[in-house]
Amino acid sequence: MADAAEQEEPEVYRQYRFALPEGATDLLLVRHGESAPARLDAPAPRVDGHSDPELAPEGRTQAEQLADRLVHEHIDAIYVTTLRRTAETAAPLAARLGLEPRVEPDLREVYLGEWEGVAFRKYVGEHHPTAVQMFLEQRWDVIPEAESNAAFASRVKAGLDRIVAAHPGQRVVVVVHGGVIGQALALATGASTFSFLGADNASISQIVAMPAPWVVRRFNDTAHLDPAFTLVPTPLT
């Protein structure tokens, strides 16, 4: 007859599933919805030198789709920047959750100097030599009077550090800009400055800040923008 030790079940070890570490801040970085088309004959207003267009109708639809995606999540705070396209994107979700968005000025978009506003879209679309140089050298300040990589990285980190310090153990939605998301993920991963450019409008990227190191959990999640998206809640773990 086998003894008791022989009858015991063997020890098993399941594959690790990520769990938010105690005290970590879960940052959901959302790019604003599509902004209004730039026009040479009617440039957008400026805020502290930055172009400040409103959302396009498509962007307002994306903001509602974003709210559909996140309304079932436990969210402790919502942050926006000084530029209205972020506030307009956050508004539907904030209304449904009963949260008042907070403003973090240091997370405004990279300053593009002489190309701020319509010029940037125009010259990038035309493959202007300076635009080509910007992407090859991965430097914003090849554009005359634009913000340097170092200055931009410094203020983005400062803004995110303040949010992390204010929300240990909480989940925070931070509605920002494409350049800011790229810079945040570059800071988190040590990647080159332009490695994570191209986040789609109303996309979700995720950083877990512990407060150090930062761990990237997702980039450019746009499932909620798919026409086939279902409203059945799927937790963002």
C-alpha atoms as a PDB file:
ATOM      1  CA  MET A   1       0.000   0.000   0.000  1.00  0.00           C
ATOM      2  CA  ALA A   2       1.403   3.369  -0.999  1.00  0.00           C
ATOM      3  CA  ASP A   3       2.186   5.648   1.876  1.00  0.00           C
ATOM      4  CA  ALA A   4       0.659   9.128   2.293  1.00  0.00           C
ATOM      5  CA  ALA A   5       3.621  10.899   0.713  1.00  0.00           C
ATOM      6  CA  GLU A   6       3.263   8.880  -2.480  1.00  0.00           C
ATOM      7  CA  GLN A   7      -0.443   9.767  -2.713  1.00  0.00           C
ATOM      8  CA  GLU A   8       0.050  13.533  -2.476  1.00  0.00           C
ATOM      9  CA  GLU A   9      -0.524  15.575  -5.615  1.00  0.00           C
ATOM     10  CA  PRO A  10       2.698  16.984  -7.098  1.00  0.00           C
ATOM     11  CA  GLU A  11       3.410  20.718  -6.702  1.00  0.00           C
ATOM     12  CA  VAL A  12       2.436  22.662  -9.836  1.00  0.00           C
ATOM     13  CA  TYR A  13       3.348  26.171 -10.929  1.00  0.00           C
ATOM     14  CA  ARG A  14       1.064  28.035 -13.296  1.00  0.00           C
ATOM     15  CA  GLN A  15       2.369  30.482 -15.843  1.00  0.00           C
ATOM     16  CA  TYR A  16       2.673  33.984 -14.427  1.00  0.00           C
ATOM     17  CA  ARG A  17      -0.137  36.427 -15.200  1.00  0.00           C
ATOM     18  CA  PHE A  18       0.635  40.103 -14.835  1.00  0.00           C
ATOM     19  CA  ALA A  19      -0.912  41.794 -11.809  1.00  0.00           C
ATOM     20  CA  LEU A  20      -0.635  45.440 -10.876  1.00  0.00           C
ATOM     21  CA  PRO A  21       2.101  45.720  -8.219  1.00  0.00           C
ATOM     22  CA  GLU A  22       1.056  47.266  -4.922  1.00  0.00           C
ATOM     23  CA  GLY A  23       1.261  51.045  -5.085  1.00  0.00           C
ATOM     24  CA  ALA A  24       1.747  51.159  -8.861  1.00  0.00           C
ATOM     25  CA  THR A  25      -0.134  53.650 -11.022  1.00  0.00           C
ATOM     26  CA  ASP A  26      -1.911  52.285 -14.075  1.00  0.00           C
ATOM     27  CA  LEU A  27      -1.744  54.953 -16.785  1.00  0.00           C
ATOM     28  CA  LEU A  28      -4.091  54.680 -19.754  1.00  0.00           C
ATOM     29  CA  LEU A  29      -2.632  57.117 -22.283  1.00  0.00           C
ATOM     30  CA  VAL A  30      -5.306  58.109 -24.795  1.00  0.00           C
ATOM     31  CA  ARG A  31      -4.593  60.087 -27.914  1.00  0.00           C
ATOM     32  CA  HIS A  32      -7.243  62.737 -28.562  1.00  0.00           C
ATOM     33  CA  GLY A  33      -9.829  62.168 -31.285  1.00  0.00           C
ATOM     34  CA  GLU A  34      -9.309  63.434 -34.809  1.00  0.00           C
ATOM     35  CA  SER A  35      -8.991  67.209 -34.837  1.00  0.00           C
ATOM     36  CA  ALA A  36     -10.429  69.584 -37.409  1.00  0.00           C
ATOM     37  CA  PRO A  37      -8.629  69.834 -40.761  1.00  0.00           C
ATOM     38  CA  ALA A  38      -5.974  72.528 -40.919  1.00  0.00           C
ATOM     39  CA  ARG A  39      -6.692  75.412 -43.309  1.00  0.00           C
ATOM     40  CA  LEU A  40      -4.341  78.068 -44.600  1.00  0.00           C
ATOM     41  CA  ASP A  41      -7.193  80.567 -44.866  1.00  0.00           C
ATOM     42  CA  ALA A  42      -8.507  79.905 -41.344  1.00  0.00           C
ATOM     43  CA  PRO A  43      -5.752  78.747 -38.991  1.00  0.00           C
ATOM     44  CA  ALA A  44      -6.752  77.375 -35.612  1.00  0.00           C
ATOM     45  CA  PRO A  45      -6.398  79.650 -32.572  1.00  0.00           C
ATOM     46  CA  ARG A  46      -3.283  79.401 -30.416  1.00  0.00           C
ATOM     47  CA  VAL A  47      -2.820  78.620 -26.715  1.00  0.00           C
ATOM     48  CA  ASP A  48       0.621  79.595 -25.404  1.00  0.00           C
ATOM     49  CA  GLY A  49       1.899  79.382 -28.961  1.00  0.00           C
ATOM     50  CA  HIS A  50       0.426  75.929 -29.629  1.00  0.00           C
ATOM     51  CA  SER A  51      -2.173  75.360 -32.323  1.00  0.00           C
ATOM     52  CA  ASP A  52      -5.503  74.583 -30.667  1.00  0.00           C
ATOM     53  CA  PRO A  53      -8.015  73.099 -33.143  1.00  0.00           C
ATOM     54  CA  GLU A  54     -11.287  71.617 -31.988  1.00  0.00           C
ATOM     55  CA  LEU A  55     -12.314  68.038 -32.692  1.00  0.00           C
ATOM     56  CA  ALA A  56     -13.635  67.163 -36.123  1.00  0.00           C
ATOM     57  CA  PRO A  57     -17.048  65.434 -36.230  1.00  0.00           C
ATOM     58  CA  GLU A  58     -15.145  62.154 -36.652  1.00  0.00           C
ATOM     59  CA  GLY A  59     -13.199  62.959 -33.502  1.00  0.00           C
ATOM     60  CA  ARG A  60     -16.374  63.499 -31.498  1.00  0.00           C
ATOM     61  CA  THR A  61     -17.619  60.092 -32.631  1.00  0.00           C
ATOM     62  CA  GLN A  62     -14.298  58.575 -31.557  1.00  0.00           C
ATOM     63  CA  ALA A  63     -14.650  60.219 -28.143  1.00  0.00           C
ATOM     64  CA  GLU A  64     -18.016  58.513 -27.668  1.00  0.00           C
ATOM     65  CA  GLN A  65     -16.544  55.179 -28.763  1.00  0.00           C
ATOM     66  CA  LEU A  66     -13.733  55.645 -26.259  1.00  0.00           C
ATOM     67  CA  ALA A  67     -16.298  56.279 -23.517  1.00  0.00           C
ATOM     68  CA  ASP A  68     -18.118  53.087 -24.516  1.00  0.00           C
ATOM     69  CA  ARG A  69     -14.844  51.184 -24.099  1.00  0.00           C
ATOM     70  CA  LEU A  70     -13.794  52.594 -20.744  1.00  0.00           C
ATOM     71  CA  VAL A  71     -17.055  53.317 -18.926  1.00  0.00           C
ATOM     72  CA  HIS A  72     -17.035  49.847 -17.333  1.00  0.00           C
ATOM     73  CA  GLU A  73     -13.486  50.230 -15.981  1.00  0.00           C
ATOM     74  CA  HIS A  74     -12.656  51.427 -12.483  1.00  0.00           C
ATOM     75  CA  ILE A  75     -11.027  54.782 -13.183  1.00  0.00           C
ATOM     76  CA  ASP A  76      -9.910  57.075 -10.389  1.00  0.00           C
ATOM     77  CA  ALA A  77      -9.023  60.231 -12.309  1.00  0.00           C
ATOM     78  CA  ILE A  78      -8.925  61.750 -15.785  1.00  0.00           C
ATOM     79  CA  TYR A  79      -6.275  64.187 -16.959  1.00  0.00           C
ATOM     80  CA  VAL A  80      -6.190  66.423 -20.043  1.00  0.00           C
ATOM     81  CA  THR A  81      -3.826  69.072 -21.370  1.00  0.00           C
ATOM     82  CA  THR A  82      -4.310  72.788 -21.948  1.00  0.00           C
ATOM     83  CA  LEU A  83      -5.375  72.091 -25.553  1.00  0.00           C
ATOM     84  CA  ARG A  84      -9.094  71.694 -26.157  1.00  0.00           C
ATOM     85  CA  ARG A  85      -8.957  68.607 -28.347  1.00  0.00           C
ATOM     86  CA  THR A  86      -7.961  66.596 -25.273  1.00  0.00           C
ATOM     87  CA  ALA A  87     -10.735  68.071 -23.109  1.00  0.00           C
ATOM     88  CA  GLU A  88     -13.314  67.437 -25.847  1.00  0.00           C
ATOM     89  CA  THR A  89     -12.132  63.824 -26.162  1.00  0.00           C
ATOM     90  CA  ALA A  90     -12.325  63.230 -22.418  1.00  0.00           C
ATOM     91  CA  ALA A  91     -15.731  64.879 -21.979  1.00  0.00           C
ATOM     92  CA  PRO A  92     -18.054  61.923 -22.798  1.00  0.00           C
ATOM     93  CA  LEU A  93     -16.165  59.526 -20.527  1.00  0.00           C
ATOM     94  CA  ALA A  94     -15.883  62.096 -17.734  1.00  0.00           C
ATOM     95  CA  ALA A  95     -19.634  62.773 -17.888  1.00  0.00           C
ATOM     96  CA  ARG A  96     -20.504  59.079 -17.667  1.00  0.00           C
ATOM     97  CA  LEU A  97     -18.124  58.448 -14.774  1.00  0.00           C
ATOM     98  CA  GLY A  98     -18.946  61.652 -12.906  1.00  0.00           C
ATOM     99  CA  LEU A  99     -15.292  62.755 -12.878  1.00  0.00           C
ATOM    100  CA  GLU A 100     -13.940  66.252 -13.401  1.00  0.00           C
ATOM    101  CA  PRO A 101     -10.871  66.170 -15.669  1.00  0.00           C
ATOM    102  CA  ARG A 102      -7.707  67.700 -14.265  1.00  0.00           C
ATOM    103  CA  VAL A 103      -5.275  69.698 -16.382  1.00  0.00           C
ATOM    104  CA  GLU A 104      -1.564  68.813 -16.638  1.00  0.00           C
ATOM    105  CA  PRO A 105       0.058  71.586 -18.714  1.00  0.00           C
ATOM    106  CA  ASP A 106       3.379  69.792 -19.197  1.00  0.00           C
ATOM    107  CA  LEU A 107       1.679  67.086 -21.273  1.00  0.00           C
ATOM    108  CA  ARG A 108       0.721  69.456 -24.112  1.00  0.00           C
ATOM    109  CA  GLU A 109       2.000  68.463 -27.557  1.00  0.00           C
ATOM    110  CA  VAL A 110       5.575  69.085 -28.682  1.00  0.00           C
ATOM    111  CA  TYR A 111       6.019  72.690 -29.808  1.00  0.00           C
ATOM    112  CA  LEU A 112       6.732  72.819 -33.543  1.00  0.00           C
ATOM    113  CA  GLY A 113       8.055  76.359 -33.838  1.00  0.00           C
ATOM    114  CA  GLU A 114       7.587  77.878 -37.293  1.00  0.00           C
ATOM    115  CA  TRP A 115       5.646  74.779 -38.358  1.00  0.00           C
ATOM    116  CA  GLU A 116       3.081  74.945 -35.576  1.00  0.00           C
ATOM    117  CA  GLY A 117      -0.409  74.329 -36.954  1.00  0.00           C
ATOM    118  CA  VAL A 118      -1.173  73.951 -40.640  1.00  0.00           C
ATOM    119  CA  ALA A 119       2.468  74.085 -41.804  1.00  0.00           C
ATOM    120  CA  PHE A 120       3.403  70.814 -40.095  1.00  0.00           C
ATOM    121  CA  ARG A 121       0.581  68.855 -41.730  1.00  0.00           C
ATOM    122  CA  LYS A 122       1.260  70.499 -45.099  1.00  0.00           C
ATOM    123  CA  TYR A 123       5.022  69.957 -45.160  1.00  0.00           C
ATOM    124  CA  VAL A 124       4.939  66.409 -43.789  1.00  0.00           C
ATOM    125  CA  GLY A 125       2.313  65.512 -46.393  1.00  0.00           C
ATOM    126  CA  GLU A 126       4.484  67.019 -49.118  1.00  0.00           C
ATOM    127  CA  HIS A 127       7.662  65.276 -47.898  1.00  0.00           C
ATOM    128  CA  HIS A 128       9.389  68.604 -47.409  1.00  0.00           C
ATOM    129  CA  PRO A 129      13.180  68.133 -47.086  1.00  0.00           C
ATOM    130  CA  THR A 130      13.114  69.361 -43.488  1.00  0.00           C
ATOM    131  CA  ALA A 131      10.337  66.889 -42.649  1.00  0.00           C
ATOM    132  CA  VAL A 132      12.392  64.070 -44.154  1.00  0.00           C
ATOM    133  CA  GLN A 133      15.408  65.237 -42.139  1.00  0.00           C
ATOM    134  CA  MET A 134      13.296  65.339 -38.972  1.00  0.00           C
ATOM    135  CA  PHE A 135      12.322  61.677 -39.324  1.00  0.00           C
ATOM    136  CA  LEU A 136      15.800  60.540 -40.371  1.00  0.00           C
ATOM    137  CA  GLU A 137      17.522  62.309 -37.474  1.00  0.00           C
ATOM    138  CA  GLN A 138      14.602  61.761 -35.047  1.00  0.00           C
ATOM    139  CA  ARG A 139      14.817  65.368 -33.892  1.00  0.00           C
ATOM    140  CA  TRP A 140      11.963  67.835 -33.548  1.00  0.00           C
ATOM    141  CA  ASP A 141      14.267  70.840 -33.540  1.00  0.00           C
ATOM    142  CA  VAL A 142      15.384  70.479 -37.143  1.00  0.00           C
ATOM    143  CA  ILE A 143      12.210  72.535 -37.600  1.00  0.00           C
ATOM    144  CA  PRO A 144      13.096  76.199 -36.999  1.00  0.00           C
ATOM    145  CA  GLU A 145      12.342  77.252 -33.410  1.00  0.00           C
ATOM    146  CA  ALA A 146      10.814  73.857 -32.514  1.00  0.00           C
ATOM    147  CA  GLU A 147      11.218  72.288 -29.087  1.00  0.00           C
ATOM    148  CA  SER A 148      14.287  70.117 -28.568  1.00  0.00           C
ATOM    149  CA  ASN A 149      14.006  66.410 -27.805  1.00  0.00           C
ATOM    150  CA  ALA A 150      15.609  66.929 -24.411  1.00  0.00           C
ATOM    151  CA  ALA A 151      13.250  69.725 -23.390  1.00  0.00           C
ATOM    152  CA  PHE A 152      10.208  67.789 -24.567  1.00  0.00           C
ATOM    153  CA  ALA A 153      11.281  64.591 -22.788  1.00  0.00           C
ATOM    154  CA  SER A 154      11.963  66.510 -19.586  1.00  0.00           C
ATOM    155  CA  ARG A 155       8.544  68.123 -19.360  1.00  0.00           C
ATOM    156  CA  VAL A 156       6.648  64.964 -20.389  1.00  0.00           C
ATOM    157  CA  LYS A 157       8.423  63.024 -17.646  1.00  0.00           C
ATOM    158  CA  ALA A 158       7.746  65.796 -15.139  1.00  0.00           C
ATOM    159  CA  GLY A 159       4.030  65.799 -15.963  1.00  0.00           C
ATOM    160  CA  LEU A 160       3.709  62.033 -15.740  1.00  0.00           C
ATOM    161  CA  ASP A 161       5.754  61.912 -12.539  1.00  0.00           C
ATOM    162  CA  ARG A 162       3.306  64.323 -10.893  1.00  0.00           C
ATOM    163  CA  ILE A 163       0.351  62.156 -11.916  1.00  0.00           C
ATOM    164  CA  VAL A 164       2.051  58.991 -10.667  1.00  0.00           C
ATOM    165  CA  ALA A 165       2.918  60.621  -7.336  1.00  0.00           C
ATOM    166  CA  ALA A 166      -0.692  61.763  -6.887  1.00  0.00           C
ATOM    167  CA  HIS A 167      -2.278  58.387  -7.696  1.00  0.00           C
ATOM    168  CA  PRO A 168      -0.410  55.427  -6.166  1.00  0.00           C
ATOM    169  CA  GLY A 169      -2.371  52.224  -6.582  1.00  0.00           C
ATOM    170  CA  GLN A 170      -4.901  53.848  -8.913  1.00  0.00           C
ATOM    171  CA  ARG A 171      -5.900  53.776 -12.580  1.00  0.00           C
ATOM    172  CA  VAL A 172      -5.758  57.096 -14.415  1.00  0.00           C
ATOM    173  CA  VAL A 173      -6.868  58.041 -17.929  1.00  0.00           C
ATOM    174  CA  VAL A 174      -4.545  60.643 -19.425  1.00  0.00           C
ATOM    175  CA  VAL A 175      -5.823  62.173 -22.673  1.00  0.00           C
ATOM    176  CA  VAL A 176      -2.854  63.607 -24.526  1.00  0.00           C
ATOM    177  CA  HIS A 177      -1.231  63.905 -27.952  1.00  0.00           C
ATOM    178  CA  GLY A 178       0.546  61.600 -30.376  1.00  0.00           C
ATOM    179  CA  GLY A 179       3.983  63.062 -29.705  1.00  0.00           C
ATOM    180  CA  VAL A 180       3.463  62.825 -25.946  1.00  0.00           C
ATOM    181  CA  ILE A 181       2.489  59.151 -26.164  1.00  0.00           C
ATOM    182  CA  GLY A 182       5.548  58.437 -28.295  1.00  0.00           C
ATOM    183  CA  GLN A 183       7.785  60.251 -25.830  1.00  0.00           C
ATOM    184  CA  ALA A 184       6.241  58.530 -22.797  1.00  0.00           C
ATOM    185  CA  LEU A 185       6.785  55.069 -24.267  1.00  0.00           C
ATOM    186  CA  ALA A 186      10.314  55.985 -25.302  1.00  0.00           C
ATOM    187  CA  LEU A 187      11.015  57.020 -21.708  1.00  0.00           C
ATOM    188  CA  ALA A 188       9.515  53.774 -20.414  1.00  0.00           C
ATOM    189  CA  THR A 189      11.450  51.498 -22.749  1.00  0.00           C
ATOM    190  CA  GLY A 190      14.679  53.335 -23.458  1.00  0.00           C
ATOM    191  CA  ALA A 191      13.766  53.258 -27.152  1.00  0.00           C
ATOM    192  CA  SER A 192      14.720  56.022 -29.550  1.00  0.00           C
ATOM    193  CA  THR A 193      12.595  59.144 -29.549  1.00  0.00           C
ATOM    194  CA  PHE A 194      10.441  58.417 -32.596  1.00  0.00           C
ATOM    195  CA  SER A 195      10.003  54.652 -32.033  1.00  0.00           C
ATOM    196  CA  PHE A 196       6.400  54.933 -30.837  1.00  0.00           C
ATOM    197  CA  LEU A 197       5.111  57.760 -33.008  1.00  0.00           C
ATOM    198  CA  GLY A 198       1.928  57.083 -34.921  1.00  0.00           C
ATOM    199  CA  ALA A 199      -0.605  56.326 -32.194  1.00  0.00           C
ATOM    200  CA  ASP A 200      -4.037  56.509 -33.805  1.00  0.00           C
ATOM    201  CA  ASN A 201      -6.679  59.015 -32.751  1.00  0.00           C
ATOM    202  CA  ALA A 202      -8.608  57.816 -29.670  1.00  0.00           C
ATOM    203  CA  SER A 203      -6.232  54.873 -29.222  1.00  0.00           C
ATOM    204  CA  ILE A 204      -5.251  53.534 -25.795  1.00  0.00           C
ATOM    205  CA  SER A 205      -1.663  52.868 -24.717  1.00  0.00           C
ATOM    206  CA  GLN A 206      -0.852  51.625 -21.226  1.00  0.00           C
ATOM    207  CA  ILE A 207       2.077  52.178 -18.877  1.00  0.00           C
ATOM    208  CA  VAL A 208       2.306  50.744 -15.373  1.00  0.00           C
ATOM    209  CA  ALA A 209       4.449  53.068 -13.248  1.00  0.00           C
ATOM    210  CA  MET A 210       5.757  51.529 -10.021  1.00  0.00           C
ATOM    211  CA  PRO A 211       6.939  54.461  -9.836  1.00  0.00           C
ATOM    212  CA  ALA A 212      10.127  53.038 -11.333  1.00  0.00           C
ATOM    213  CA  PRO A 213      10.605  51.219 -13.576  1.00  0.00           C
ATOM    214  CA  TRP A 214       7.768  51.904 -15.998  1.00  0.00           C
ATOM    215  CA  VAL A 215       6.335  48.847 -17.765  1.00  0.00           C
ATOM    216  CA  VAL A 216       4.587  49.116 -21.138  1.00  0.00           C
ATOM    217  CA  ARG A 217       1.466  46.934 -21.284  1.00  0.00           C
ATOM    218  CA  ARG A 218      -0.030  48.022 -24.614  1.00  0.00           C
ATOM    219  CA  PHE A 219       0.374  50.451 -27.509  1.00  0.00           C
ATOM    220  CA  ASN A 220      -2.222  51.824 -29.936  1.00  0.00           C
ATOM    221  CA  ASP A 221      -5.202  49.705 -28.852  1.00  0.00           C
ATOM    222  CA  THR A 222      -8.085  50.717 -31.150  1.00  0.00           C
ATOM    223  CA  ALA A 223     -10.463  47.761 -30.713  1.00  0.00           C
ATOM    224  CA  HIS A 224     -13.284  50.125 -29.670  1.00  0.00           C
ATOM    225  CA  LEU A 225     -13.066  51.947 -33.015  1.00  0.00           C
ATOM    226  CA  ASP A 226     -13.737  48.780 -35.002  1.00  0.00           C
ATOM    227  CA  PRO A 227     -17.306  48.652 -36.410  1.00  0.00           C
ATOM    228  CA  ALA A 228     -17.536  45.107 -35.064  1.00  0.00           C
ATOM    229  CA  PHE A 229     -16.731  46.204 -31.484  1.00  0.00           C
ATOM    230  CA  THR A 230     -19.189  44.828 -28.929  1.00  0.00           C
ATOM    231  CA  LEU A 231     -20.199  46.657 -25.784  1.00  0.00           C
ATOM    232  CA  VAL A 232     -19.694  43.555 -23.623  1.00  0.00           C
ATOM    233  CA  PRO A 233     -17.189  44.749 -20.980  1.00  0.00           C
ATOM    234  CA  THR A 234     -13.684  43.315 -21.418  1.00  0.00           C
ATOM    235  CA  PRO A 235     -11.463  44.423 -18.511  1.00  0.00           C
ATOM    236  CA  LEU A 236      -8.190  46.157 -19.371  1.00  0.00           C
ATOM    237  CA  THR A 237      -5.809  44.134 -17.199  1.00  0.00           C
END
